C-alpha atoms as a PDB file:
ATOM      1  CA  MET A   1     127.671 123.163 102.353  1.00  0.00           C
ATOM      2  CA  ARG A   2     125.461 122.358 105.298  1.00  0.00           C
ATOM      3  CA  ASP A   3     124.463 118.857 106.301  1.00  0.00           C
ATOM      4  CA  GLY A   4     120.996 117.383 106.349  1.00  0.00           C
ATOM      5  CA  VAL A   5     118.742 117.991 109.319  1.00  0.00           C
ATOM      6  CA  TYR A   6     118.340 114.964 111.562  1.00  0.00           C
ATOM      7  CA  THR A   7     116.147 114.820 114.617  1.00  0.00           C
ATOM      8  CA  ILE A   8     115.647 111.973 117.060  1.00  0.00           C
ATOM      9  CA  ALA A   9     112.391 112.317 118.984  1.00  0.00           C
ATOM     10  CA  ASP A  10     109.555 110.076 120.120  1.00  0.00           C
ATOM     11  CA  ASN A  11     111.283 106.945 118.786  1.00  0.00           C
ATOM     12  CA  LYS A  12     111.632 108.480 115.328  1.00  0.00           C
ATOM     13  CA  ILE A  13     114.576 109.529 113.242  1.00  0.00           C
ATOM     14  CA  ILE A  14     113.437 112.377 111.035  1.00  0.00           C
ATOM     15  CA  VAL A  15     115.676 113.120 108.076  1.00  0.00           C
ATOM     16  CA  ASP A  16     115.214 116.355 106.164  1.00  0.00           C
ATOM     17  CA  HIS A  17     117.824 115.940 103.491  1.00  0.00           C
ATOM     18  CA  ASN A  18     119.715 118.893 102.107  1.00  0.00           C
ATOM     19  CA  PRO A  19     120.043 118.521  98.313  1.00  0.00           C
ATOM     20  CA  ASP A  20     123.515 120.080  98.557  1.00  0.00           C
ATOM     21  CA  VAL A  21     124.748 116.985 100.436  1.00  0.00           C
ATOM     22  CA  ARG A  22     125.623 114.181  98.049  1.00  0.00           C
ATOM     23  CA  SER A  23     124.214 110.751  98.890  1.00  0.00           C
ATOM     24  CA  THR A  24     126.929 108.166  99.389  1.00  0.00           C
ATOM     25  CA  ASN A  25     127.143 104.533 100.438  1.00  0.00           C
ATOM     26  CA  ASN A  26     128.783 105.606 103.701  1.00  0.00           C
ATOM     27  CA  ARG A  27     125.852 107.864 104.541  1.00  0.00           C
ATOM     28  CA  ALA A  28     123.413 105.038 103.809  1.00  0.00           C
ATOM     29  CA  GLU A  29     125.386 102.603 105.989  1.00  0.00           C
ATOM     30  CA  ILE A  30     125.417 105.053 108.896  1.00  0.00           C
ATOM     31  CA  LEU A  31     121.679 105.639 108.627  1.00  0.00           C
ATOM     32  CA  ALA A  32     120.976 101.900 108.302  1.00  0.00           C
ATOM     33  CA  ILE A  33     122.791 101.063 111.530  1.00  0.00           C
ATOM     34  CA  SER A  34     121.045 103.972 113.294  1.00  0.00           C
ATOM     35  CA  PHE A  35     117.709 102.572 112.148  1.00  0.00           C
ATOM     36  CA  GLY A  36     118.626  99.060 113.293  1.00  0.00           C
ATOM     37  CA  LEU A  37     119.599 100.317 116.735  1.00  0.00           C
ATOM     38  CA  MET A  38     116.330 102.224 116.990  1.00  0.00           C
ATOM     39  CA  LEU A  39     114.395  99.072 116.101  1.00  0.00           C
ATOM     40  CA  ALA A  40     116.204  97.168 118.846  1.00  0.00           C
ATOM     41  CA  ILE A  41     115.275  99.837 121.390  1.00  0.00           C
ATOM     42  CA  ARG A  42     111.663  99.893 120.217  1.00  0.00           C
ATOM     43  CA  THR A  43     111.423  96.106 120.418  1.00  0.00           C
ATOM     44  CA  ILE A  44     112.764  95.917 123.963  1.00  0.00           C
ATOM     45  CA  LYS A  45     110.362  98.671 125.049  1.00  0.00           C
ATOM     46  CA  LYS A  46     107.373  96.850 123.501  1.00  0.00           C
ATOM     47  CA  ILE A  47     108.333  93.622 125.237  1.00  0.00           C
ATOM     48  CA  THR A  48     108.827  95.454 128.516  1.00  0.00           C
ATOM     49  CA  ASN A  49     105.481  97.249 128.220  1.00  0.00           C
ATOM     50  CA  ALA A  50     103.700  93.984 127.397  1.00  0.00           C
ATOM     51  CA  THR A  51     105.337  92.311 130.375  1.00  0.00           C
ATOM     52  CA  HIS A  52     104.330  95.110 132.729  1.00  0.00           C
ATOM     53  CA  ALA A  53     100.791  95.195 131.294  1.00  0.00           C
ATOM     54  CA  THR A  54     100.138  91.616 132.390  1.00  0.00           C
ATOM     55  CA  ASN A  55     100.619  92.590 136.044  1.00  0.00           C
ATOM     56  CA  SER A  56     101.691  89.025 136.606  1.00  0.00           C
ATOM     57  CA  THR A  57     103.883  88.288 139.562  1.00  0.00           C
ATOM     58  CA  HIS A  58     105.506  85.627 137.407  1.00  0.00           C
ATOM     59  CA  ALA A  59     106.405  87.992 134.586  1.00  0.00           C
ATOM     60  CA  THR A  60     110.074  88.620 134.062  1.00  0.00           C
ATOM     61  CA  ASP A  61     111.253  92.184 133.730  1.00  0.00           C
ATOM     62  CA  ILE A  62     113.822  91.879 130.960  1.00  0.00           C
ATOM     63  CA  THR A  63     115.062  95.403 131.546  1.00  0.00           C
ATOM     64  CA  ASN A  64     116.271  94.392 135.004  1.00  0.00           C
ATOM     65  CA  PRO A  65     119.863  93.292 134.415  1.00  0.00           C
ATOM     66  CA  ILE A  66     121.196  90.093 135.871  1.00  0.00           C
ATOM     67  CA  THR A  67     123.741  90.937 138.514  1.00  0.00           C
ATOM     68  CA  GLN A  68     127.134  89.299 138.289  1.00  0.00           C
ATOM     69  CA  SER A  69     129.309  88.604 141.300  1.00  0.00           C
ATOM     70  CA  SER A  70     131.076  91.933 140.683  1.00  0.00           C
ATOM     71  CA  ASN A  71     127.705  93.690 141.122  1.00  0.00           C
ATOM     72  CA  LYS A  72     127.988  95.172 137.624  1.00  0.00           C
ATOM     73  CA  PRO A  73     124.801  94.884 135.602  1.00  0.00           C
ATOM     74  CA  LYS A  74     124.971  92.428 132.738  1.00  0.00           C
ATOM     75  CA  LEU A  75     122.900  93.552 129.788  1.00  0.00           C
ATOM     76  CA  PRO A  76     121.888  91.265 126.921  1.00  0.00           C
ATOM     77  CA  LYS A  77     124.166  91.395 123.898  1.00  0.00           C
ATOM     78  CA  LEU A  78     122.957  92.926 120.652  1.00  0.00           C
ATOM     79  CA  ALA A  79     124.731  91.709 117.512  1.00  0.00           C
ATOM     80  CA  VAL A  80     124.975  94.352 114.789  1.00  0.00           C
ATOM     81  CA  TYR A  81     126.147  93.156 111.363  1.00  0.00           C
ATOM     82  CA  SER A  82     127.357  95.481 108.634  1.00  0.00           C
ATOM     83  CA  ASP A  83     129.469  95.258 105.513  1.00  0.00           C
ATOM     84  CA  SER A  84     130.803  98.731 106.293  1.00  0.00           C
ATOM     85  CA  LEU A  85     133.993  98.278 108.243  1.00  0.00           C
ATOM     86  CA  ASN A  86     134.400 102.058 108.140  1.00  0.00           C
ATOM     87  CA  THR A  87     131.115 102.586 110.002  1.00  0.00           C
ATOM     88  CA  ILE A  88     131.917  99.872 112.555  1.00  0.00           C
ATOM     89  CA  ASN A  89     135.355 101.404 113.166  1.00  0.00           C
ATOM     90  CA  THR A  90     133.793 104.850 113.489  1.00  0.00           C
ATOM     91  CA  ILE A  91     131.461 103.617 116.237  1.00  0.00           C
ATOM     92  CA  THR A  92     134.050 101.584 118.119  1.00  0.00           C
ATOM     93  CA  THR A  93     137.262 103.556 117.583  1.00  0.00           C
ATOM     94  CA  TYR A  94     137.210 106.799 115.597  1.00  0.00           C
ATOM     95  CA  TRP A  95     134.359 108.563 117.420  1.00  0.00           C
ATOM     96  CA  PRO A  96     135.596 107.701 120.943  1.00  0.00           C
ATOM     97  CA  ASN A  97     139.166 108.731 120.058  1.00  0.00           C
ATOM     98  CA  ARG A  98     138.075 111.941 118.356  1.00  0.00           C
ATOM     99  CA  SER A  99     135.808 112.747 121.307  1.00  0.00           C
ATOM    100  CA  GLN A 100     138.747 112.517 123.686  1.00  0.00           C
ATOM    101  CA  GLN A 101     140.896 114.644 121.363  1.00  0.00           C
ATOM    102  CA  GLY A 102     138.109 117.192 120.800  1.00  0.00           C
ATOM    103  CA  THR A 103     138.256 116.687 117.027  1.00  0.00           C
ATOM    104  CA  VAL A 104     134.876 115.033 116.344  1.00  0.00           C
ATOM    105  CA  ASN A 105     133.824 118.013 114.220  1.00  0.00           C
ATOM    106  CA  GLU A 106     136.468 117.067 111.646  1.00  0.00           C
ATOM    107  CA  LEU A 107     134.770 113.740 110.807  1.00  0.00           C
ATOM    108  CA  THR A 108     133.037 113.307 107.454  1.00  0.00           C
ATOM    109  CA  ASN A 109     129.234 112.830 107.584  1.00  0.00           C
ATOM    110  CA  LEU A 110     129.131 114.440 111.004  1.00  0.00           C
ATOM    111  CA  ASP A 111     125.376 115.087 110.781  1.00  0.00           C
ATOM    112  CA  LEU A 112     124.579 111.387 110.438  1.00  0.00           C
ATOM    113  CA  LEU A 113     127.321 110.301 112.820  1.00  0.00           C
ATOM    114  CA  ARG A 114     125.724 112.402 115.548  1.00  0.00           C
ATOM    115  CA  VAL A 115     122.447 110.516 114.994  1.00  0.00           C
ATOM    116  CA  LEU A 116     124.292 107.189 114.985  1.00  0.00           C
ATOM    117  CA  MET A 117     126.161 107.921 118.189  1.00  0.00           C
ATOM    118  CA  GLU A 118     122.969 109.149 119.886  1.00  0.00           C
ATOM    119  CA  MET A 119     121.282 105.859 118.964  1.00  0.00           C
ATOM    120  CA  THR A 120     124.378 103.962 120.131  1.00  0.00           C
ATOM    121  CA  GLU A 121     124.172 105.629 123.549  1.00  0.00           C
ATOM    122  CA  ARG A 122     120.448 104.930 123.780  1.00  0.00           C
ATOM    123  CA  VAL A 123     120.881 101.276 122.880  1.00  0.00           C
ATOM    124  CA  LYS A 124     123.525 100.896 125.616  1.00  0.00           C
ATOM    125  CA  GLU A 125     120.772 101.516 128.196  1.00  0.00           C
ATOM    126  CA  HIS A 126     119.277  98.155 127.222  1.00  0.00           C
ATOM    127  CA  PHE A 127     121.994  96.128 125.475  1.00  0.00           C
ATOM    128  CA  THR A 128     125.699  95.609 125.118  1.00  0.00           C
ATOM    129  CA  PRO A 129     126.139  96.140 121.379  1.00  0.00           C
ATOM    130  CA  GLU A 130     128.698  94.052 119.517  1.00  0.00           C
ATOM    131  CA  TYR A 131     129.582  94.935 115.944  1.00  0.00           C
ATOM    132  CA  PHE A 132     130.500  92.347 113.322  1.00  0.00           C
ATOM    133  CA  HIS A 133     131.829  92.933 109.834  1.00  0.00           C
ATOM    134  CA  ILE A 134     130.429  90.769 107.044  1.00  0.00           C
ATOM    135  CA  ARG A 135     131.887  90.572 103.562  1.00  0.00           C
ATOM    136  CA  ALA A 136     129.636  92.042 100.897  1.00  0.00           C
ATOM    137  CA  HIS A 137     128.719  91.092  97.343  1.00  0.00           C
ATOM    138  CA  GLY A 138     128.650  87.326  97.779  1.00  0.00           C
ATOM    139  CA  LYS A 139     132.156  87.174  99.233  1.00  0.00           C
ATOM    140  CA  GLU A 140     131.159  86.041 102.732  1.00  0.00           C
ATOM    141  CA  THR A 141     132.626  82.566 103.298  1.00  0.00           C
ATOM    142  CA  ARG A 142     131.547  81.968 106.902  1.00  0.00           C
ATOM    143  CA  VAL A 143     128.564  79.619 106.700  1.00  0.00           C
ATOM    144  CA  GLU A 144     126.863  81.100 109.764  1.00  0.00           C
ATOM    145  CA  LEU A 145     126.854  84.555 108.144  1.00  0.00           C
ATOM    146  CA  LYS A 146     125.877  83.689 104.567  1.00  0.00           C
ATOM    147  CA  GLU A 147     122.167  84.351 105.159  1.00  0.00           C
ATOM    148  CA  ILE A 148     122.869  87.745 106.712  1.00  0.00           C
ATOM    149  CA  ALA A 149     125.255  88.575 103.853  1.00  0.00           C
ATOM    150  CA  ALA A 150     122.592  87.603 101.290  1.00  0.00           C
ATOM    151  CA  VAL A 151     120.122  90.057 102.839  1.00  0.00           C
ATOM    152  CA  GLN A 152     122.858  92.709 102.887  1.00  0.00           C
ATOM    153  CA  ASP A 153     123.432  92.151  99.164  1.00  0.00           C
ATOM    154  CA  GLN A 154     119.702  92.664  98.482  1.00  0.00           C
ATOM    155  CA  VAL A 155     119.753  95.908 100.444  1.00  0.00           C
ATOM    156  CA  ASP A 156     122.786  97.093  98.480  1.00  0.00           C
ATOM    157  CA  LYS A 157     120.917  96.456  95.199  1.00  0.00           C
ATOM    158  CA  LEU A 158     117.995  98.552  96.443  1.00  0.00           C
ATOM    159  CA  ALA A 159     120.388 101.343  97.392  1.00  0.00           C
ATOM    160  CA  VAL A 160     121.860 101.357  93.886  1.00  0.00           C
ATOM    161  CA  LYS A 161     118.363 101.623  92.401  1.00  0.00           C
ATOM    162  CA  ALA A 162     117.612 104.570  94.689  1.00  0.00           C
ATOM    163  CA  LYS A 163     120.754 106.451  93.708  1.00  0.00           C
ATOM    164  CA  GLY A 164     119.914 109.888  92.415  1.00  0.00           C
ATOM    165  CA  TYR A 165     116.930 110.358  94.731  1.00  0.00           C
ATOM    166  CA  ASP A 166     118.693 112.948  96.838  1.00  0.00           C
ATOM    167  CA  HIS A 167     115.639 115.025  97.774  1.00  0.00           C
ATOM    168  CA  TYR A 168     113.596 113.325 100.434  1.00  0.00           C
ATOM    169  CA  ARG A 169     112.039 113.509 103.817  1.00  0.00           C
ATOM    170  CA  LEU A 170     112.372 110.257 105.662  1.00  0.00           C
ATOM    171  CA  ILE A 171     110.710 109.437 108.942  1.00  0.00           C
ATOM    172  CA  ILE A 172     111.923 106.207 110.474  1.00  0.00           C
ATOM    173  CA  GLU A 173     109.540 105.126 113.197  1.00  0.00           C
END
């Protein structure tokens, strides 16, 4: 069984899905975070282009990192929320460990994980991403995260409705 075909080019993620690859919640979570990271990159580039277009000497270049006393660039933080602890752990732990061990090719959903990790590397040029797990299905008890969890629950309901639509071409711009 071969994976889907995923291409990242010109600020697009192009997904040519292989009908032999079964759609799963994990695959959807991986693609959702990839899309979110791409949106963050696109937003920062639009802001930067608008700032440069003004040619104002007072404009702030937000891509120019603030320098700390250690002379290391400090990038703005990007909060990424997901109810998929598996996907968060893959980004922060499994992929880096498997990369060092040379066993990345053994990971499940490798086709989508490659897209996700490419987007993760791209986002690190502009942000310091931080990943936060939220509890799904109305189980989030932290008041500050209830609104985010409610949106996540709506997205999950849409995903359930879409189940069975395994043949698609998706272009995320």
